[in-house]
Protein backbone atom coordinates (compact mmCIF):
# COMPACT_ATOMS: atom_id res chain seq x y z
CA MET A 1 -14.21 16.42 -29.77
CA ALA A 2 -17.89 15.52 -29.68
CA GLU A 3 -18.66 16.67 -26.76
CA GLU A 4 -16.80 19.76 -26.89
CA LYS A 5 -19.08 20.28 -30.15
CA ILE A 6 -22.17 20.02 -28.70
CA GLU A 7 -20.76 22.21 -25.49
CA LYS A 8 -19.76 25.11 -27.63
CA ARG A 9 -21.33 27.56 -30.01
CA ARG A 10 -19.10 28.02 -32.84
CA ILE A 11 -20.32 29.88 -35.51
CA MET A 12 -18.23 30.04 -38.94
CA LEU A 13 -18.53 32.91 -41.80
CA VAL A 14 -17.09 32.49 -45.59
CA GLY A 15 -16.16 35.62 -47.13
CA THR A 16 -14.78 38.59 -45.38
CA GLY A 17 -16.34 41.05 -47.27
CA LEU A 18 -18.20 43.84 -46.68
CA VAL A 19 -21.39 41.75 -46.26
CA GLY A 20 -19.60 39.54 -44.03
CA MET A 21 -17.88 41.47 -41.95
CA SER A 22 -20.79 43.63 -41.41
CA PHE A 23 -22.32 40.51 -39.72
CA ALA A 24 -19.24 39.68 -37.97
CA TYR A 25 -19.41 43.02 -36.19
CA SER A 26 -23.13 42.97 -35.64
CA MET A 27 -22.31 39.48 -33.84
CA LEU A 28 -20.07 41.13 -31.02
CA HIS A 29 -23.26 42.57 -29.85
CA GLU A 30 -24.86 38.68 -29.20
CA LYS A 31 -24.53 37.01 -25.91
CA GLY A 32 -23.62 33.65 -25.68
CA ILE A 33 -21.46 32.71 -28.59
CA ASP A 34 -18.61 31.30 -27.84
CA GLU A 35 -16.36 31.36 -31.01
CA MET A 36 -16.67 32.54 -34.30
CA VAL A 37 -14.26 31.70 -36.95
CA LEU A 38 -13.20 33.71 -40.10
CA VAL A 39 -12.80 31.53 -43.68
CA ASP A 40 -11.78 33.44 -46.71
CA VAL A 41 -9.89 32.83 -49.57
CA ASN A 42 -7.46 35.37 -49.06
CA HIS A 43 -6.08 34.12 -45.42
CA ASP A 44 -4.05 37.21 -44.51
CA LYS A 45 -7.82 38.97 -45.29
CA ALA A 46 -9.07 36.51 -42.92
CA MET A 47 -6.80 37.22 -39.93
CA GLY A 48 -6.64 40.76 -40.49
CA GLU A 49 -10.66 41.03 -39.98
CA ALA A 50 -10.15 38.56 -36.91
CA MET A 51 -7.74 40.73 -35.27
CA ASP A 52 -9.37 43.70 -35.66
CA LEU A 53 -12.32 42.69 -34.22
CA GLN A 54 -10.32 40.99 -31.19
CA ASP A 55 -9.73 44.52 -30.59
CA GLY A 56 -12.71 45.64 -29.91
CA MET A 57 -14.26 42.50 -27.40
CA VAL A 58 -13.10 44.47 -24.24
CA TYR A 59 -15.78 47.00 -25.09
CA ALA A 60 -18.22 44.36 -26.81
CA GLU A 61 -21.40 42.68 -24.88
CA THR A 62 -19.62 38.81 -25.69
CA LYS A 63 -16.55 37.30 -25.17
CA MET A 64 -16.03 34.82 -27.51
CA LYS A 65 -12.84 33.78 -29.09
CA VAL A 66 -12.33 35.45 -33.27
CA TYR A 67 -10.20 33.51 -35.00
CA ALA A 68 -9.46 33.30 -38.88
CA GLY A 69 -9.89 29.74 -39.62
CA SER A 70 -10.51 26.64 -42.17
CA TYR A 71 -12.45 24.70 -43.43
CA GLU A 72 -11.46 22.33 -41.24
CA ASP A 73 -12.71 23.73 -38.39
CA ALA A 74 -16.81 23.15 -39.81
CA GLN A 75 -17.10 20.17 -37.89
CA TYR A 76 -17.34 21.78 -34.93
CA CYS A 77 -19.35 24.33 -36.14
CA ASN A 78 -23.43 25.01 -35.17
CA VAL A 79 -24.13 27.63 -38.10
CA VAL A 80 -22.08 28.70 -40.99
CA VAL A 81 -22.65 32.02 -42.69
CA ILE A 82 -21.69 31.98 -46.65
CA THR A 83 -21.18 35.26 -47.22
CA ALA A 84 -18.30 34.59 -50.23
CA GLY A 85 -18.89 36.25 -53.67
CA ALA A 86 -19.28 38.91 -56.45
CA ALA A 87 -20.71 41.97 -55.41
CA GLN A 88 -23.66 43.20 -57.11
CA LYS A 89 -22.58 46.44 -59.84
CA PRO A 90 -24.35 49.59 -60.00
CA GLY A 91 -27.26 48.96 -62.82
CA GLN A 92 -27.15 44.83 -62.33
CA SER A 93 -29.37 42.87 -61.65
CA ARG A 94 -29.12 40.08 -58.38
CA LEU A 95 -29.92 37.46 -61.18
CA GLU A 96 -26.79 38.49 -63.39
CA LEU A 97 -23.94 37.35 -60.73
CA VAL A 98 -25.66 33.79 -61.20
CA LYS A 99 -23.09 31.70 -63.18
CA ILE A 100 -19.66 33.10 -61.12
CA ASN A 101 -21.25 32.82 -57.52
CA ALA A 102 -23.27 29.47 -58.02
CA SER A 103 -19.28 27.97 -59.05
CA ILE A 104 -18.19 29.84 -55.89
CA THR A 105 -21.25 28.74 -53.98
CA LYS A 106 -20.44 25.23 -54.97
CA ALA A 107 -17.09 24.43 -53.83
CA VAL A 108 -17.59 26.36 -50.67
CA CYS A 109 -20.15 23.74 -49.72
CA GLU A 110 -18.17 21.18 -51.08
CA GLN A 111 -15.82 22.24 -48.64
CA LEU A 112 -18.06 21.84 -45.68
CA LYS A 113 -19.44 18.78 -46.62
CA LYS A 114 -15.86 17.33 -47.28
CA ASN A 115 -15.06 18.44 -43.74
CA GLY A 116 -18.25 16.82 -41.61
CA PHE A 117 -20.28 19.89 -41.69
CA ASN A 118 -24.04 18.85 -39.82
CA GLY A 119 -25.15 22.06 -38.72
CA ILE A 120 -27.45 24.62 -40.06
CA LEU A 121 -26.60 26.58 -42.91
CA ILE A 122 -27.51 29.83 -44.02
CA VAL A 123 -26.73 31.60 -47.20
CA ALA A 124 -26.39 35.75 -48.19
CA ASN A 125 -24.56 35.58 -51.36
CA ASN A 126 -26.92 37.33 -54.26
CA PRO A 127 -29.10 35.76 -56.11
CA VAL A 128 -29.60 34.61 -52.86
CA ASP A 129 -32.93 32.08 -53.39
CA ILE A 130 -30.52 30.71 -56.40
CA MET A 131 -27.55 30.20 -54.36
CA THR A 132 -29.44 28.62 -51.65
CA TYR A 133 -30.56 25.84 -54.01
CA VAL A 134 -27.11 25.43 -54.89
CA ALA A 135 -26.00 24.85 -51.28
CA TRP A 136 -28.55 22.71 -50.99
CA LYS A 137 -27.13 20.20 -53.40
CA ALA A 138 -23.75 20.74 -52.95
CA SER A 139 -23.63 20.08 -49.56
CA GLY A 140 -25.93 17.64 -48.59
CA LEU A 141 -27.69 18.82 -45.77
CA PRO A 142 -31.21 18.50 -45.26
CA LYS A 143 -32.84 20.87 -47.31
CA GLU A 144 -34.31 22.33 -43.82
CA HIS A 145 -31.01 22.92 -42.87
CA VAL A 146 -29.95 25.62 -45.30
CA ILE A 147 -31.90 28.52 -45.24
CA GLY A 148 -31.29 31.80 -47.72
CA SER A 149 -31.31 34.82 -46.25
CA GLY A 150 -34.64 35.48 -48.74
CA THR A 151 -36.58 38.60 -47.97
CA VAL A 152 -35.52 39.11 -44.35
CA LEU A 153 -33.85 42.62 -45.54
CA ASP A 154 -36.23 43.56 -47.75
CA THR A 155 -38.98 42.84 -45.55
CA ALA A 156 -37.05 44.93 -42.94
CA ARG A 157 -36.98 47.66 -45.07
CA LEU A 158 -40.78 47.98 -45.94
CA ARG A 159 -41.89 47.57 -42.29
CA LEU A 160 -39.31 50.99 -41.57
CA GLU A 161 -40.95 52.74 -44.60
CA LEU A 162 -44.58 51.81 -44.01
CA GLY A 163 -43.70 52.88 -40.25
CA ASN A 164 -42.41 56.55 -41.20
CA ARG A 165 -45.14 57.44 -43.77
CA LEU A 166 -48.12 56.06 -41.83
CA GLY A 167 -46.36 57.13 -38.17
CA PHE A 168 -46.27 54.40 -36.61
CA ALA A 169 -43.69 52.46 -34.91
CA GLU A 170 -41.66 50.53 -37.95
CA SER A 171 -42.00 47.35 -35.24
CA ASN A 172 -45.81 47.71 -34.72
CA MET A 173 -45.97 47.05 -38.72
CA HIS A 174 -46.52 43.34 -39.97
CA ALA A 175 -45.90 42.97 -43.06
CA TYR A 176 -44.40 40.63 -45.30
CA ILE A 177 -42.51 41.45 -48.90
CA LEU A 178 -42.62 37.88 -50.32
CA GLY A 179 -41.04 36.03 -53.69
CA GLU A 180 -37.74 36.13 -54.54
CA HIS A 181 -35.47 38.79 -53.01
CA GLY A 182 -35.32 41.10 -56.18
CA ASP A 183 -37.35 42.96 -59.04
CA SER A 184 -40.18 39.73 -58.84
CA SER A 185 -41.06 40.10 -55.05
CA PHE A 186 -44.00 41.36 -54.31
CA VAL A 187 -46.07 42.30 -50.70
CA SER A 188 -49.53 40.73 -49.74
CA TRP A 189 -51.51 43.96 -48.80
CA THR A 190 -54.33 41.79 -47.89
CA ASN A 191 -52.37 39.89 -44.87
CA SER A 192 -50.89 43.10 -43.88
CA TYR A 193 -51.27 44.62 -40.49
CA ILE A 194 -51.03 47.92 -37.89
CA GLY A 195 -50.24 45.86 -34.72
CA CYS A 196 -53.85 43.82 -35.07
CA LYS A 197 -55.79 45.93 -37.21
CA SER A 198 -55.70 45.19 -40.91
CA LEU A 199 -53.70 47.75 -43.07
CA LEU A 200 -56.29 47.98 -45.66
CA GLU A 201 -59.01 49.14 -43.76
CA TYR A 202 -56.73 51.59 -41.46
CA LEU A 203 -56.08 53.40 -44.92
CA ASP A 204 -59.96 53.50 -46.10
CA GLU A 205 -60.37 54.88 -42.60
CA LYS A 206 -57.86 57.49 -43.16
CA HIS A 207 -58.75 58.12 -46.70
CA ILE A 208 -55.42 56.93 -47.81
CA SER A 209 -55.29 55.97 -51.40
CA LEU A 210 -54.34 52.17 -52.33
CA MET A 211 -51.57 54.28 -54.83
CA GLU A 212 -49.68 54.94 -51.46
CA LEU A 213 -49.13 51.45 -50.93
CA GLN A 214 -47.57 50.90 -54.52
CA ASN A 215 -45.07 54.11 -54.05
CA ILE A 216 -44.16 52.23 -50.97
CA TYR A 217 -43.26 49.27 -52.19
CA VAL A 218 -41.48 50.33 -55.78
CA ASP A 219 -39.35 52.27 -53.18
CA VAL A 220 -38.23 49.70 -50.81
CA ARG A 221 -37.97 47.06 -53.82
CA ASP A 222 -35.28 49.67 -55.65
CA LYS A 223 -33.95 50.72 -52.77
CA ALA A 224 -30.86 48.41 -52.63
CA TYR A 225 -30.23 50.18 -56.25
CA LYS A 226 -30.23 53.59 -55.52
CA ILE A 227 -27.97 52.32 -52.45
CA ILE A 228 -25.44 50.80 -54.59
CA ASP A 229 -25.89 53.72 -56.51
CA LEU A 230 -24.30 56.14 -53.73
CA LYS A 231 -22.00 53.91 -51.94
CA LYS A 232 -21.11 51.11 -54.43
CA ALA A 233 -22.71 48.40 -52.20
CA THR A 234 -25.32 47.40 -49.30
CA TYR A 235 -23.58 45.65 -46.38
CA TYR A 236 -25.49 47.05 -42.74
CA GLY A 237 -28.73 46.12 -43.48
CA ILE A 238 -28.25 42.78 -44.61
CA GLY A 239 -25.36 42.27 -41.98
CA LEU A 240 -28.49 42.99 -39.28
CA ALA A 241 -30.73 41.13 -41.22
CA LEU A 242 -28.26 38.04 -40.95
CA LYS A 243 -27.50 38.25 -36.71
CA ARG A 244 -31.24 38.23 -36.55
CA ILE A 245 -31.08 35.12 -38.01
CA VAL A 246 -28.37 33.35 -36.69
CA SER A 247 -29.61 34.80 -33.36
CA ALA A 248 -33.13 32.92 -34.75
CA VAL A 249 -31.22 29.30 -35.11
CA LEU A 250 -28.74 29.21 -31.95
CA ASN A 251 -31.81 30.48 -29.33
CA ASN A 252 -34.12 28.44 -31.09
CA GLU A 253 -36.73 30.94 -31.14
CA ARG A 254 -38.95 29.41 -33.78
CA CYS A 255 -39.98 32.94 -35.01
CA ILE A 256 -41.22 33.92 -37.99
CA LEU A 257 -38.82 35.37 -40.48
CA PRO A 258 -39.65 35.70 -44.72
CA VAL A 259 -36.27 33.14 -45.38
CA SER A 260 -35.49 31.65 -48.27
CA SER A 261 -36.72 28.54 -47.81
CA TYR A 262 -37.60 24.90 -49.70
CA GLN A 263 -41.04 24.88 -51.00
CA ASN A 264 -43.05 21.61 -50.91
CA GLY A 265 -46.32 22.76 -52.11
CA GLU A 266 -47.11 25.58 -49.23
CA TYR A 267 -47.83 27.75 -52.16
CA GLY A 268 -48.59 25.68 -54.67
CA LYS A 269 -44.84 25.56 -56.06
CA THR A 270 -42.37 22.40 -55.22
CA GLY A 271 -38.35 22.45 -55.52
CA TYR A 272 -37.21 25.21 -54.87
CA PHE A 273 -35.86 27.84 -52.12
CA ILE A 274 -37.76 31.42 -52.69
CA GLY A 275 -38.76 33.93 -49.78
CA THR A 276 -42.07 33.03 -47.79
CA PRO A 277 -42.99 33.57 -43.64
CA THR A 278 -41.07 30.34 -42.36
CA VAL A 279 -40.65 29.24 -38.72
CA VAL A 280 -36.66 29.13 -37.63
CA GLY A 281 -34.73 28.15 -34.39
CA SER A 282 -32.50 25.21 -33.62
CA ASP A 283 -33.95 22.76 -36.39
CA GLY A 284 -33.74 25.26 -39.56
CA ALA A 285 -36.41 26.41 -41.50
CA SER A 286 -39.49 23.79 -39.48
CA GLN A 287 -42.28 24.92 -41.22
CA ILE A 288 -43.13 27.40 -43.64
CA MET A 289 -46.43 29.68 -42.94
CA ARG A 290 -49.24 29.45 -45.10
CA LEU A 291 -50.87 32.84 -46.13
CA PRO A 292 -54.24 33.27 -47.71
CA LEU A 293 -53.26 35.18 -51.14
CA THR A 294 -55.11 36.46 -53.10
CA GLU A 295 -55.44 35.24 -57.23
CA ASN A 296 -53.69 38.50 -58.16
CA ASP A 297 -50.85 37.97 -55.07
CA GLN A 298 -50.59 34.41 -56.20
CA ASP A 299 -49.99 35.17 -59.58
CA ARG A 300 -47.17 37.21 -58.55
CA PHE A 301 -45.87 34.81 -56.40
CA ASN A 302 -46.06 32.22 -59.55
CA LYS A 303 -44.45 34.12 -62.03
CA SER A 304 -41.40 34.88 -58.96
CA PHE A 305 -40.78 31.30 -57.88
CA ASP A 306 -40.65 30.28 -62.52
CA THR A 307 -38.35 33.26 -63.05
CA LEU A 308 -35.59 31.97 -60.42
CA GLU A 309 -36.80 28.03 -61.57
CA ALA A 310 -36.20 29.31 -65.13
CA THR A 311 -32.93 31.16 -64.23
CA ILE A 312 -31.65 27.69 -62.52
CA ARG A 313 -32.83 25.16 -65.65
CA ASP A 314 -30.97 28.17 -68.35
CA ASN A 315 -27.64 28.53 -66.37
CA LEU A 316 -26.50 25.80 -63.67
CA GLY A 317 -27.23 23.06 -65.53
CA ASP A 318 -23.18 22.23 -66.37
CA ILE A 319 -22.40 23.49 -62.92
CA ILE A 320 -24.84 21.52 -60.33
CA ASP A 321 -26.92 18.39 -61.13
CA LEU A 322 -30.58 19.42 -61.73
CA ASP A 323 -32.61 16.17 -60.87
């Protein structure tokens, strides 16, 4: 089976809710994957979702096998994606989900460890930066092999909004949201570009007020709340964001994505996971790209990091080992 593990490209999805199945559906358009196994506490739900996806395989861009499985399949998987957990409700912050989802994440990762998973673990349940830390602690994997979805979705929202307001293709908007996937996130505008041109220089040339940037950030930061108010949940955007991360891992793209990665002093903080531009490839989160932050931006990063650390310290001591 060792040779089969190397030759086959297998993905495991844990959690077949709206986010998980949005990701699974998006993977039907990713070529080169051999198998995708769905795991859920409700095995019948996983079976039904697998059958539904199989019906679309004739028209899909991949011919991978999709089936409902168990944690025993983890030892043969290259990537495991965790979306299992309680969903954010209208009016609820992501940080309020911390205890219940920490218990779920710990239980999932203990099962992965028990069954010999040794690939790349991608975490998407909220609050994702904290759940990534829990997953690292419970899985026993190297920190580089545990990646949170971080601010990949936030950054996509930012680039879309910048492109719409300034009249450029979003693919040419090079800006990142850093920090927590949540209310303490921020944009480093001094490290933002339109193509190869400084965004701030462009705004100055066009006599566009810097207040417009703050308005854009607030709209982006609060977009999830608006979507949840309107339709009770967000899932398509994060589903595609997860596909982007998985593709980068499976294809060893070594692209730069603002994932939640373990901090080892690159931005002056150590010991936890938070959204920063990171090189992502087959070896996981291999390198954090250090951006030159202004004093104000560094203060925002510190505040965001400290918020996550305090939430972990105040809430999770009875769930995971914090030492």
